[in-house]
């Protein structure tokens, strides 16, 4: 196996890990279609959880889903029920 092939095989082997990624604040905003400033406000209020990795802020995919679900629940509560 050549060094190039070994490097490719080592990299593709990592795809088998069943781990959801961490997203940056910018990436999270793009996913949720929410601005960066609003995300920082939501984090400050404790509505969107985030972690620090060194100086970087990261948001696990699971927590993005939790925040999305919170927004949906709030929207359902605020929306009038059609009869």
PDB file of N, CA and C in Angstrom:
ATOM      1  N   UNK A   1       0.853  -1.168   0.000  1.00  0.00           N
ATOM      2  CA  UNK A   1       0.000   0.000   0.000  1.00  0.00           C
ATOM      3  C   UNK A   1       0.903   1.237   0.000  1.00  0.00           C
ATOM      4  N   UNK A   2       0.616   2.164  -0.876  1.00  0.00           N
ATOM      5  CA  UNK A   2       1.419   3.383  -0.957  1.00  0.00           C
ATOM      6  C   UNK A   2       1.007   4.316   0.173  1.00  0.00           C
ATOM      7  N   UNK A   3       1.878   5.264   0.536  1.00  0.00           N
ATOM      8  CA  UNK A   3       1.517   6.208   1.600  1.00  0.00           C
ATOM      9  C   UNK A   3       0.242   6.983   1.265  1.00  0.00           C
ATOM     10  N   UNK A   4       0.055   7.332   0.000  1.00  0.00           N
ATOM     11  CA  UNK A   4      -1.155   8.069  -0.383  1.00  0.00           C
ATOM     12  C   UNK A   4      -2.391   7.218  -0.172  1.00  0.00           C
ATOM     13  N   UNK A   5      -2.348   5.970  -0.572  1.00  0.00           N
ATOM     14  CA  UNK A   5      -3.478   5.064  -0.387  1.00  0.00           C
ATOM     15  C   UNK A   5      -3.756   4.847   1.091  1.00  0.00           C
ATOM     16  N   UNK A   6      -2.723   4.696   1.881  1.00  0.00           N
ATOM     17  CA  UNK A   6      -2.902   4.487   3.318  1.00  0.00           C
ATOM     18  C   UNK A   6      -3.586   5.695   3.951  1.00  0.00           C
ATOM     19  N   UNK A   7      -3.180   6.897   3.541  1.00  0.00           N
ATOM     20  CA  UNK A   7      -3.788   8.103   4.093  1.00  0.00           C
ATOM     21  C   UNK A   7      -5.268   8.182   3.714  1.00  0.00           C
ATOM     22  N   UNK A   8      -5.586   7.843   2.483  1.00  0.00           N
ATOM     23  CA  UNK A   8      -6.982   7.863   2.045  1.00  0.00           C
ATOM     24  C   UNK A   8      -7.790   6.828   2.809  1.00  0.00           C
ATOM     25  N   UNK A   9      -7.247   5.617   2.946  1.00  0.00           N
ATOM     26  CA  UNK A   9      -7.954   4.575   3.673  1.00  0.00           C
ATOM     27  C   UNK A   9      -8.147   4.931   5.148  1.00  0.00           C
ATOM     28  N   UNK A  10      -7.148   5.540   5.749  1.00  0.00           N
ATOM     29  CA  UNK A  10      -7.270   5.944   7.149  1.00  0.00           C
ATOM     30  C   UNK A  10      -8.368   6.989   7.299  1.00  0.00           C
ATOM     31  N   UNK A  11      -8.439   7.900   6.344  1.00  0.00           N
ATOM     32  CA  UNK A  11      -9.452   8.954   6.412  1.00  0.00           C
ATOM     33  C   UNK A  11     -10.852   8.386   6.200  1.00  0.00           C
ATOM     34  N   UNK A  12     -11.007   7.525   5.213  1.00  0.00           N
ATOM     35  CA  UNK A  12     -12.330   6.977   4.943  1.00  0.00           C
ATOM     36  C   UNK A  12     -12.790   6.070   6.070  1.00  0.00           C
ATOM     37  N   UNK A  13     -11.883   5.477   6.805  1.00  0.00           N
ATOM     38  CA  UNK A  13     -12.258   4.641   7.937  1.00  0.00           C
ATOM     39  C   UNK A  13     -12.937   5.435   9.030  1.00  0.00           C
ATOM     40  N   UNK A  14     -12.648   6.692   9.131  1.00  0.00           N
ATOM     41  CA  UNK A  14     -13.252   7.546  10.156  1.00  0.00           C
ATOM     42  C   UNK A  14     -14.727   7.810   9.870  1.00  0.00           C
ATOM     43  N   UNK A  15     -15.133   7.678   8.642  1.00  0.00           N
ATOM     44  CA  UNK A  15     -16.533   7.907   8.294  1.00  0.00           C
ATOM     45  C   UNK A  15     -17.443   6.885   8.974  1.00  0.00           C
ATOM     46  N   UNK A  16     -16.876   5.772   9.434  1.00  0.00           N
ATOM     47  CA  UNK A  16     -17.669   4.753  10.107  1.00  0.00           C
ATOM     48  C   UNK A  16     -18.059   5.154  11.528  1.00  0.00           C
ATOM     49  N   UNK A  17     -17.432   6.178  12.078  1.00  0.00           N
ATOM     50  CA  UNK A  17     -17.783   6.628  13.417  1.00  0.00           C
ATOM     51  C   UNK A  17     -19.200   7.182  13.403  1.00  0.00           C
ATOM     52  N   UNK A  18     -19.980   6.808  14.388  1.00  0.00           N
ATOM     53  CA  UNK A  18     -21.352   7.294  14.478  1.00  0.00           C
ATOM     54  C   UNK A  18     -21.403   8.464  15.452  1.00  0.00           C
ATOM     55  N   UNK A  19     -20.763   9.563  15.072  1.00  0.00           N
ATOM     56  CA  UNK A  19     -20.691  10.742  15.926  1.00  0.00           C
ATOM     57  C   UNK A  19     -21.200  11.937  15.132  1.00  0.00           C
ATOM     58  N   UNK A  20     -22.159  12.637  15.718  1.00  0.00           N
ATOM     59  CA  UNK A  20     -22.646  13.833  15.053  1.00  0.00           C
ATOM     60  C   UNK A  20     -21.642  14.957  15.268  1.00  0.00           C
ATOM     61  N   UNK A  21     -21.533  15.849  14.301  1.00  0.00           N
ATOM     62  CA  UNK A  21     -20.493  16.884  14.360  1.00  0.00           C
ATOM     63  C   UNK A  21     -20.812  18.028  15.315  1.00  0.00           C
ATOM     64  N   UNK A  22     -19.782  18.783  15.594  1.00  0.00           N
ATOM     65  CA  UNK A  22     -19.915  20.062  16.278  1.00  0.00           C
ATOM     66  C   UNK A  22     -19.931  21.130  15.196  1.00  0.00           C
ATOM     67  N   UNK A  23     -20.792  22.127  15.352  1.00  0.00           N
ATOM     68  CA  UNK A  23     -20.883  23.202  14.380  1.00  0.00           C
ATOM     69  C   UNK A  23     -20.386  24.503  14.986  1.00  0.00           C
ATOM     70  N   UNK A  24     -19.821  25.356  14.146  1.00  0.00           N
ATOM     71  CA  UNK A  24     -19.452  26.697  14.575  1.00  0.00           C
ATOM     72  C   UNK A  24     -20.729  27.515  14.703  1.00  0.00           C
ATOM     73  N   UNK A  25     -20.617  28.693  15.274  1.00  0.00           N
ATOM     74  CA  UNK A  25     -21.779  29.574  15.382  1.00  0.00           C
ATOM     75  C   UNK A  25     -22.246  29.967  13.978  1.00  0.00           C
ATOM     76  N   UNK A  26     -21.320  30.259  13.090  1.00  0.00           N
ATOM     77  CA  UNK A  26     -21.678  30.635  11.713  1.00  0.00           C
ATOM     78  C   UNK A  26     -22.416  29.492  11.022  1.00  0.00           C
ATOM     79  N   UNK A  27     -21.887  28.279  11.138  1.00  0.00           N
ATOM     80  CA  UNK A  27     -22.530  27.117  10.521  1.00  0.00           C
ATOM     81  C   UNK A  27     -23.913  26.870  11.126  1.00  0.00           C
ATOM     82  N   UNK A  28     -24.021  27.034  12.436  1.00  0.00           N
ATOM     83  CA  UNK A  28     -25.304  26.835  13.117  1.00  0.00           C
ATOM     84  C   UNK A  28     -26.332  27.844  12.617  1.00  0.00           C
ATOM     85  N   UNK A  29     -25.905  29.084  12.443  1.00  0.00           N
ATOM     86  CA  UNK A  29     -26.795  30.112  11.918  1.00  0.00           C
ATOM     87  C   UNK A  29     -27.274  29.788  10.519  1.00  0.00           C
ATOM     88  N   UNK A  30     -26.374  29.270   9.693  1.00  0.00           N
ATOM     89  CA  UNK A  30     -26.752  28.893   8.334  1.00  0.00           C
ATOM     90  C   UNK A  30     -27.757  27.739   8.353  1.00  0.00           C
ATOM     91  N   UNK A  31     -27.528  26.780   9.221  1.00  0.00           N
ATOM     92  CA  UNK A  31     -28.429  25.626   9.318  1.00  0.00           C
ATOM     93  C   UNK A  31     -29.818  26.075   9.765  1.00  0.00           C
ATOM     94  N   UNK A  32     -29.861  26.927  10.797  1.00  0.00           N
ATOM     95  CA  UNK A  32     -31.128  27.364  11.366  1.00  0.00           C
ATOM     96  C   UNK A  32     -31.727  28.568  10.653  1.00  0.00           C
ATOM     97  N   UNK A  33     -30.956  29.191   9.762  1.00  0.00           N
ATOM     98  CA  UNK A  33     -31.364  30.415   9.058  1.00  0.00           C
ATOM     99  C   UNK A  33     -31.618  31.552  10.052  1.00  0.00           C
ATOM    100  N   UNK A  34     -30.689  31.659  11.020  1.00  0.00           N
ATOM    101  CA  UNK A  34     -30.748  32.689  12.065  1.00  0.00           C
ATOM    102  C   UNK A  34     -29.415  33.412  12.076  1.00  0.00           C
ATOM    103  N   UNK A  35     -29.442  34.702  12.304  1.00  0.00           N
ATOM    104  CA  UNK A  35     -28.224  35.494  12.317  1.00  0.00           C
ATOM    105  C   UNK A  35     -27.310  35.175  13.494  1.00  0.00           C
ATOM    106  N   UNK A  36     -26.039  35.478  13.311  1.00  0.00           N
ATOM    107  CA  UNK A  36     -25.014  35.217  14.309  1.00  0.00           C
ATOM    108  C   UNK A  36     -25.315  35.930  15.632  1.00  0.00           C
ATOM    109  N   UNK A  37     -25.710  37.197  15.545  1.00  0.00           N
ATOM    110  CA  UNK A  37     -26.006  37.965  16.759  1.00  0.00           C
ATOM    111  C   UNK A  37     -27.165  37.353  17.535  1.00  0.00           C
ATOM    112  N   UNK A  38     -28.193  36.931  16.817  1.00  0.00           N
ATOM    113  CA  UNK A  38     -29.353  36.310  17.476  1.00  0.00           C
ATOM    114  C   UNK A  38     -28.941  35.014  18.160  1.00  0.00           C
ATOM    115  N   UNK A  39     -28.060  34.239  17.521  1.00  0.00           N
ATOM    116  CA  UNK A  39     -27.597  33.000  18.157  1.00  0.00           C
ATOM    117  C   UNK A  39     -26.845  33.298  19.448  1.00  0.00           C
ATOM    118  N   UNK A  40     -25.981  34.312  19.435  1.00  0.00           N
ATOM    119  CA  UNK A  40     -25.263  34.666  20.660  1.00  0.00           C
ATOM    120  C   UNK A  40     -26.233  35.133  21.746  1.00  0.00           C
ATOM    121  N   UNK A  41     -27.290  35.867  21.366  1.00  0.00           N
ATOM    122  CA  UNK A  41     -28.307  36.276  22.340  1.00  0.00           C
ATOM    123  C   UNK A  41     -28.988  35.050  22.956  1.00  0.00           C
ATOM    124  N   UNK A  42     -29.347  34.107  22.110  1.00  0.00           N
ATOM    125  CA  UNK A  42     -30.019  32.893  22.587  1.00  0.00           C
ATOM    126  C   UNK A  42     -29.096  32.081  23.494  1.00  0.00           C
ATOM    127  N   UNK A  43     -27.807  32.049  23.180  1.00  0.00           N
ATOM    128  CA  UNK A  43     -26.856  31.351  24.051  1.00  0.00           C
ATOM    129  C   UNK A  43     -26.739  32.065  25.392  1.00  0.00           C
ATOM    130  N   UNK A  44     -26.696  33.391  25.372  1.00  0.00           N
ATOM    131  CA  UNK A  44     -26.582  34.166  26.609  1.00  0.00           C
ATOM    132  C   UNK A  44     -27.809  33.950  27.506  1.00  0.00           C
ATOM    133  N   UNK A  45     -28.970  33.766  26.890  1.00  0.00           N
ATOM    134  CA  UNK A  45     -30.206  33.538  27.643  1.00  0.00           C
ATOM    135  C   UNK A  45     -30.361  32.081  28.079  1.00  0.00           C
ATOM    136  N   UNK A  46     -29.475  31.212  27.595  1.00  0.00           N
ATOM    137  CA  UNK A  46     -29.531  29.803  27.971  1.00  0.00           C
ATOM    138  C   UNK A  46     -30.506  28.981  27.146  1.00  0.00           C
ATOM    139  N   UNK A  47     -31.066  29.564  26.111  1.00  0.00           N
ATOM    140  CA  UNK A  47     -32.024  28.845  25.266  1.00  0.00           C
ATOM    141  C   UNK A  47     -31.326  27.925  24.273  1.00  0.00           C
ATOM    142  N   UNK A  48     -30.124  28.290  23.859  1.00  0.00           N
ATOM    143  CA  UNK A  48     -29.315  27.466  22.962  1.00  0.00           C
ATOM    144  C   UNK A  48     -28.024  27.140  23.700  1.00  0.00           C
ATOM    145  N   UNK A  49     -27.805  25.862  23.926  1.00  0.00           N
ATOM    146  CA  UNK A  49     -26.597  25.452  24.642  1.00  0.00           C
ATOM    147  C   UNK A  49     -25.415  25.408  23.678  1.00  0.00           C
ATOM    148  N   UNK A  50     -24.252  25.727  24.194  1.00  0.00           N
ATOM    149  CA  UNK A  50     -23.020  25.677  23.410  1.00  0.00           C
ATOM    150  C   UNK A  50     -21.873  25.347  24.350  1.00  0.00           C
ATOM    151  N   UNK A  51     -20.769  24.914  23.773  1.00  0.00           N
ATOM    152  CA  UNK A  51     -19.587  24.614  24.571  1.00  0.00           C
ATOM    153  C   UNK A  51     -18.407  25.379  24.004  1.00  0.00           C
ATOM    154  N   UNK A  52     -17.408  25.536  24.828  1.00  0.00           N
ATOM    155  CA  UNK A  52     -16.156  26.153  24.387  1.00  0.00           C
ATOM    156  C   UNK A  52     -15.125  25.054  24.213  1.00  0.00           C
ATOM    157  N   UNK A  53     -14.462  25.079  23.078  1.00  0.00           N
ATOM    158  CA  UNK A  53     -13.343  24.188  22.801  1.00  0.00           C
ATOM    159  C   UNK A  53     -12.160  25.118  22.600  1.00  0.00           C
ATOM    160  N   UNK A  54     -11.375  25.278  23.660  1.00  0.00           N
ATOM    161  CA  UNK A  54     -10.355  26.316  23.628  1.00  0.00           C
ATOM    162  C   UNK A  54     -11.059  27.661  23.616  1.00  0.00           C
ATOM    163  N   UNK A  55     -10.746  28.489  22.639  1.00  0.00           N
ATOM    164  CA  UNK A  55     -11.422  29.778  22.507  1.00  0.00           C
ATOM    165  C   UNK A  55     -12.620  29.712  21.570  1.00  0.00           C
ATOM    166  N   UNK A  56     -12.787  28.606  20.895  1.00  0.00           N
ATOM    167  CA  UNK A  56     -13.851  28.471  19.904  1.00  0.00           C
ATOM    168  C   UNK A  56     -15.162  28.016  20.545  1.00  0.00           C
ATOM    169  N   UNK A  57     -16.264  28.540  20.050  1.00  0.00           N
ATOM    170  CA  UNK A  57     -17.588  28.121  20.486  1.00  0.00           C
ATOM    171  C   UNK A  57     -18.099  27.085  19.504  1.00  0.00           C
ATOM    172  N   UNK A  58     -18.584  25.974  20.033  1.00  0.00           N
ATOM    173  CA  UNK A  58     -19.103  24.906  19.186  1.00  0.00           C
ATOM    174  C   UNK A  58     -20.467  24.464  19.714  1.00  0.00           C
ATOM    175  N   UNK A  59     -21.314  24.052  18.771  1.00  0.00           N
ATOM    176  CA  UNK A  59     -22.656  23.603  19.120  1.00  0.00           C
ATOM    177  C   UNK A  59     -22.849  22.205  18.543  1.00  0.00           C
ATOM    178  N   UNK A  60     -23.040  21.212  19.396  1.00  0.00           N
ATOM    179  CA  UNK A  60     -23.282  19.860  18.902  1.00  0.00           C
ATOM    180  C   UNK A  60     -24.596  19.785  18.115  1.00  0.00           C
ATOM    181  N   UNK A  61     -24.640  18.933  17.123  1.00  0.00           N
ATOM    182  CA  UNK A  61     -25.830  18.775  16.287  1.00  0.00           C
ATOM    183  C   UNK A  61     -27.070  18.491  17.141  1.00  0.00           C
ATOM    184  N   UNK A  62     -26.911  17.684  18.169  1.00  0.00           N
ATOM    185  CA  UNK A  62     -28.030  17.337  19.053  1.00  0.00           C
ATOM    186  C   UNK A  62     -28.643  18.584  19.687  1.00  0.00           C
ATOM    187  N   UNK A  63     -27.791  19.521  20.099  1.00  0.00           N
ATOM    188  CA  UNK A  63     -28.289  20.738  20.735  1.00  0.00           C
ATOM    189  C   UNK A  63     -28.959  21.660  19.726  1.00  0.00           C
ATOM    190  N   UNK A  64     -28.514  21.637  18.477  1.00  0.00           N
ATOM    191  CA  UNK A  64     -29.207  22.405  17.435  1.00  0.00           C
ATOM    192  C   UNK A  64     -30.618  21.852  17.248  1.00  0.00           C
ATOM    193  N   UNK A  65     -30.749  20.539  17.287  1.00  0.00           N
ATOM    194  CA  UNK A  65     -32.063  19.910  17.151  1.00  0.00           C
ATOM    195  C   UNK A  65     -32.957  20.293  18.333  1.00  0.00           C
ATOM    196  N   UNK A  66     -32.388  20.302  19.539  1.00  0.00           N
ATOM    197  CA  UNK A  66     -33.155  20.687  20.732  1.00  0.00           C
ATOM    198  C   UNK A  66     -33.662  22.129  20.605  1.00  0.00           C
ATOM    199  N   UNK A  67     -32.801  23.022  20.115  1.00  0.00           N
ATOM    200  CA  UNK A  67     -33.178  24.428  19.959  1.00  0.00           C
ATOM    201  C   UNK A  67     -34.257  24.570  18.892  1.00  0.00           C
ATOM    202  N   UNK A  68     -34.108  23.843  17.785  1.00  0.00           N
ATOM    203  CA  UNK A  68     -35.122  23.858  16.724  1.00  0.00           C
ATOM    204  C   UNK A  68     -36.460  23.402  17.285  1.00  0.00           C
ATOM    205  N   UNK A  69     -36.444  22.333  18.068  1.00  0.00           N
ATOM    206  CA  UNK A  69     -37.678  21.818  18.663  1.00  0.00           C
ATOM    207  C   UNK A  69     -38.303  22.842  19.607  1.00  0.00           C
ATOM    208  N   UNK A  70     -37.480  23.569  20.345  1.00  0.00           N
ATOM    209  CA  UNK A  70     -37.973  24.628  21.227  1.00  0.00           C
ATOM    210  C   UNK A  70     -38.679  25.710  20.416  1.00  0.00           C
ATOM    211  N   UNK A  71     -38.067  26.130  19.319  1.00  0.00           N
ATOM    212  CA  UNK A  71     -38.681  27.158  18.480  1.00  0.00           C
ATOM    213  C   UNK A  71     -40.005  26.674  17.892  1.00  0.00           C
ATOM    214  N   UNK A  72     -40.048  25.427  17.472  1.00  0.00           N
ATOM    215  CA  UNK A  72     -41.286  24.873  16.917  1.00  0.00           C
ATOM    216  C   UNK A  72     -42.373  24.840  17.984  1.00  0.00           C
ATOM    217  N   UNK A  73     -42.026  24.388  19.182  1.00  0.00           N
ATOM    218  CA  UNK A  73     -43.001  24.320  20.274  1.00  0.00           C
ATOM    219  C   UNK A  73     -43.531  25.711  20.604  1.00  0.00           C
ATOM    220  N   UNK A  74     -42.658  26.698  20.653  1.00  0.00           N
ATOM    221  CA  UNK A  74     -43.075  28.064  20.941  1.00  0.00           C
ATOM    222  C   UNK A  74     -43.985  28.587  19.826  1.00  0.00           C
ATOM    223  N   UNK A  75     -43.662  28.235  18.592  1.00  0.00           N
ATOM    224  CA  UNK A  75     -44.489  28.657  17.474  1.00  0.00           C
ATOM    225  C   UNK A  75     -45.866  28.033  17.513  1.00  0.00           C
ATOM    226  N   UNK A  76     -45.935  26.792  17.913  1.00  0.00           N
ATOM    227  CA  UNK A  76     -47.231  26.109  18.022  1.00  0.00           C
ATOM    228  C   UNK A  76     -48.084  26.704  19.132  1.00  0.00           C
ATOM    229  N   UNK A  77     -47.423  27.090  20.229  1.00  0.00           N
ATOM    230  CA  UNK A  77     -48.157  27.702  21.352  1.00  0.00           C
ATOM    231  C   UNK A  77     -48.705  29.067  20.958  1.00  0.00           C
ATOM    232  N   UNK A  78     -47.961  29.812  20.161  1.00  0.00           N
ATOM    233  CA  UNK A  78     -48.342  31.168  19.787  1.00  0.00           C
ATOM    234  C   UNK A  78     -49.354  31.196  18.639  1.00  0.00           C
ATOM    235  N   UNK A  79     -49.371  30.156  17.825  1.00  0.00           N
ATOM    236  CA  UNK A  79     -50.252  30.128  16.653  1.00  0.00           C
ATOM    237  C   UNK A  79     -51.681  29.814  17.073  1.00  0.00           C
ATOM    238  N   UNK A  80     -52.643  30.543  16.499  1.00  0.00           N
ATOM    239  CA  UNK A  80     -54.041  30.221  16.800  1.00  0.00           C
ATOM    240  C   UNK A  80     -54.417  28.885  16.168  1.00  0.00           C
ATOM    241  N   UNK A  81     -55.261  28.143  16.834  1.00  0.00           N
ATOM    242  CA  UNK A  81     -55.705  26.840  16.324  1.00  0.00           C
ATOM    243  C   UNK A  81     -56.857  27.055  15.347  1.00  0.00           C
ATOM    244  N   UNK A  82     -56.691  26.598  14.105  1.00  0.00           N
ATOM    245  CA  UNK A  82     -57.805  26.741  13.156  1.00  0.00           C
ATOM    246  C   UNK A  82     -58.916  25.737  13.475  1.00  0.00           C
ATOM    247  N   UNK A  83     -60.153  26.193  13.439  1.00  0.00           N
ATOM    248  CA  UNK A  83     -61.296  25.316  13.705  1.00  0.00           C
ATOM    249  C   UNK A  83     -62.168  25.201  12.508  1.00  0.00           C
TER     250      UNK A  83
END
